[in-house]
Amino acid sequence: MKAYTFSIYITYQNYLNYYNGAASTVQVVTDEGLRLQLPAARLRPFLSQIGIKGRFRLTVNSENRFHSLEKLA
């Protein structure tokens, strides 16, 4: 399995676009400079009143399919 770390900040108001279906994916840049695209729904458990903010670790399997997403800080 491979793991990628990244920081993200999406305001609550901006995340409503994803929540309402206007946008379905979020693009992030990892600490290594790779651009990754993941379904916005994967971030929904981390939504708070300020939006989504913090450091995350995305783990994918050998076929680069989603395995897990965890908040680090």
C-alpha atoms as a PDB file:
ATOM      1  CA  MET A   1       0.000   0.000   0.000  1.00  0.00           C
ATOM      2  CA  LYS A   2       1.056   3.570  -0.648  1.00  0.00           C
ATOM      3  CA  ALA A   3       0.339   6.566   1.562  1.00  0.00           C
ATOM      4  CA  TYR A   4       0.191  10.231   0.622  1.00  0.00           C
ATOM      5  CA  THR A   5       0.017  13.169   3.025  1.00  0.00           C
ATOM      6  CA  PHE A   6      -1.428  16.570   2.254  1.00  0.00           C
ATOM      7  CA  SER A   7      -2.872  19.666   3.865  1.00  0.00           C
ATOM      8  CA  ILE A   8      -6.255  21.030   2.916  1.00  0.00           C
ATOM      9  CA  TYR A   9      -8.519  23.912   3.785  1.00  0.00           C
ATOM     10  CA  ILE A  10     -11.956  24.212   2.243  1.00  0.00           C
ATOM     11  CA  THR A  11     -14.376  26.639   3.841  1.00  0.00           C
ATOM     12  CA  TYR A  12     -17.777  25.368   4.863  1.00  0.00           C
ATOM     13  CA  GLN A  13     -19.387  27.560   2.210  1.00  0.00           C
ATOM     14  CA  ASN A  14     -17.116  26.216  -0.535  1.00  0.00           C
ATOM     15  CA  TYR A  15     -17.689  22.621   0.535  1.00  0.00           C
ATOM     16  CA  LEU A  16     -21.428  23.127   0.013  1.00  0.00           C
ATOM     17  CA  ASN A  17     -20.691  23.027  -3.743  1.00  0.00           C
ATOM     18  CA  TYR A  18     -19.370  19.490  -3.282  1.00  0.00           C
ATOM     19  CA  TYR A  19     -22.084  18.518  -0.836  1.00  0.00           C
ATOM     20  CA  ASN A  20     -24.830  19.693  -3.172  1.00  0.00           C
ATOM     21  CA  GLY A  21     -23.313  17.828  -6.111  1.00  0.00           C
ATOM     22  CA  ALA A  22     -22.095  20.836  -8.112  1.00  0.00           C
ATOM     23  CA  ALA A  23     -18.609  19.340  -7.950  1.00  0.00           C
ATOM     24  CA  SER A  24     -17.839  15.701  -7.305  1.00  0.00           C
ATOM     25  CA  THR A  25     -14.065  15.600  -6.845  1.00  0.00           C
ATOM     26  CA  VAL A  26     -11.427  17.480  -4.895  1.00  0.00           C
ATOM     27  CA  GLN A  27      -7.904  17.906  -6.213  1.00  0.00           C
ATOM     28  CA  VAL A  28      -5.068  18.084  -3.694  1.00  0.00           C
ATOM     29  CA  VAL A  29      -1.303  18.411  -3.933  1.00  0.00           C
ATOM     30  CA  THR A  30       0.626  15.986  -1.751  1.00  0.00           C
ATOM     31  CA  ASP A  31       3.696  16.894   0.251  1.00  0.00           C
ATOM     32  CA  GLU A  32       5.730  15.286  -2.558  1.00  0.00           C
ATOM     33  CA  GLY A  33       4.137  17.559  -5.163  1.00  0.00           C
ATOM     34  CA  LEU A  34       1.831  14.964  -6.744  1.00  0.00           C
ATOM     35  CA  ARG A  35      -1.668  16.018  -7.758  1.00  0.00           C
ATOM     36  CA  LEU A  36      -4.340  13.632  -6.565  1.00  0.00           C
ATOM     37  CA  GLN A  37      -8.042  13.678  -7.248  1.00  0.00           C
ATOM     38  CA  LEU A  38     -10.431  12.092  -4.787  1.00  0.00           C
ATOM     39  CA  PRO A  39     -14.193  11.965  -4.427  1.00  0.00           C
ATOM     40  CA  ALA A  40     -15.466  14.880  -2.348  1.00  0.00           C
ATOM     41  CA  ALA A  41     -17.690  12.487  -0.431  1.00  0.00           C
ATOM     42  CA  ARG A  42     -14.580  10.946   1.162  1.00  0.00           C
ATOM     43  CA  LEU A  43     -13.982  14.234   3.002  1.00  0.00           C
ATOM     44  CA  ARG A  44     -17.531  14.543   4.334  1.00  0.00           C
ATOM     45  CA  PRO A  45     -16.785  12.845   7.709  1.00  0.00           C
ATOM     46  CA  PHE A  46     -14.253  15.596   8.434  1.00  0.00           C
ATOM     47  CA  LEU A  47     -16.591  18.535   7.768  1.00  0.00           C
ATOM     48  CA  SER A  48     -17.032  20.971  10.661  1.00  0.00           C
ATOM     49  CA  GLN A  49     -18.498  24.465  11.082  1.00  0.00           C
ATOM     50  CA  ILE A  50     -15.355  26.003   9.594  1.00  0.00           C
ATOM     51  CA  GLY A  51     -15.198  23.526   6.727  1.00  0.00           C
ATOM     52  CA  ILE A  52     -12.445  20.991   6.226  1.00  0.00           C
ATOM     53  CA  LYS A  53      -9.030  21.924   7.528  1.00  0.00           C
ATOM     54  CA  GLY A  54      -5.986  19.913   8.512  1.00  0.00           C
ATOM     55  CA  ARG A  55      -3.405  17.373   7.493  1.00  0.00           C
ATOM     56  CA  PHE A  56      -4.532  14.080   6.060  1.00  0.00           C
ATOM     57  CA  ARG A  57      -3.083  10.738   5.041  1.00  0.00           C
ATOM     58  CA  LEU A  58      -4.596   8.989   2.046  1.00  0.00           C
ATOM     59  CA  THR A  59      -3.780   5.294   1.710  1.00  0.00           C
ATOM     60  CA  VAL A  60      -4.297   3.457  -1.574  1.00  0.00           C
ATOM     61  CA  ASN A  61      -3.847  -0.188  -2.527  1.00  0.00           C
ATOM     62  CA  SER A  62      -1.421  -1.566  -5.123  1.00  0.00           C
ATOM     63  CA  GLU A  63      -3.904  -0.634  -7.880  1.00  0.00           C
ATOM     64  CA  ASN A  64      -4.085   2.977  -6.598  1.00  0.00           C
ATOM     65  CA  ARG A  65      -7.642   2.481  -5.373  1.00  0.00           C
ATOM     66  CA  PHE A  66      -8.843   4.177  -2.218  1.00  0.00           C
ATOM     67  CA  HIS A  67      -8.190   2.302   1.005  1.00  0.00           C
ATOM     68  CA  SER A  68      -8.489   4.872   3.787  1.00  0.00           C
ATOM     69  CA  LEU A  69      -8.336   8.543   4.663  1.00  0.00           C
ATOM     70  CA  GLU A  70      -7.375   9.739   8.116  1.00  0.00           C
ATOM     71  CA  LYS A  71      -6.929  13.134   9.671  1.00  0.00           C
ATOM     72  CA  LEU A  72      -3.487  13.663  11.174  1.00  0.00           C
ATOM     73  CA  ALA A  73      -3.871  17.109  12.739  1.00  0.00           C
END
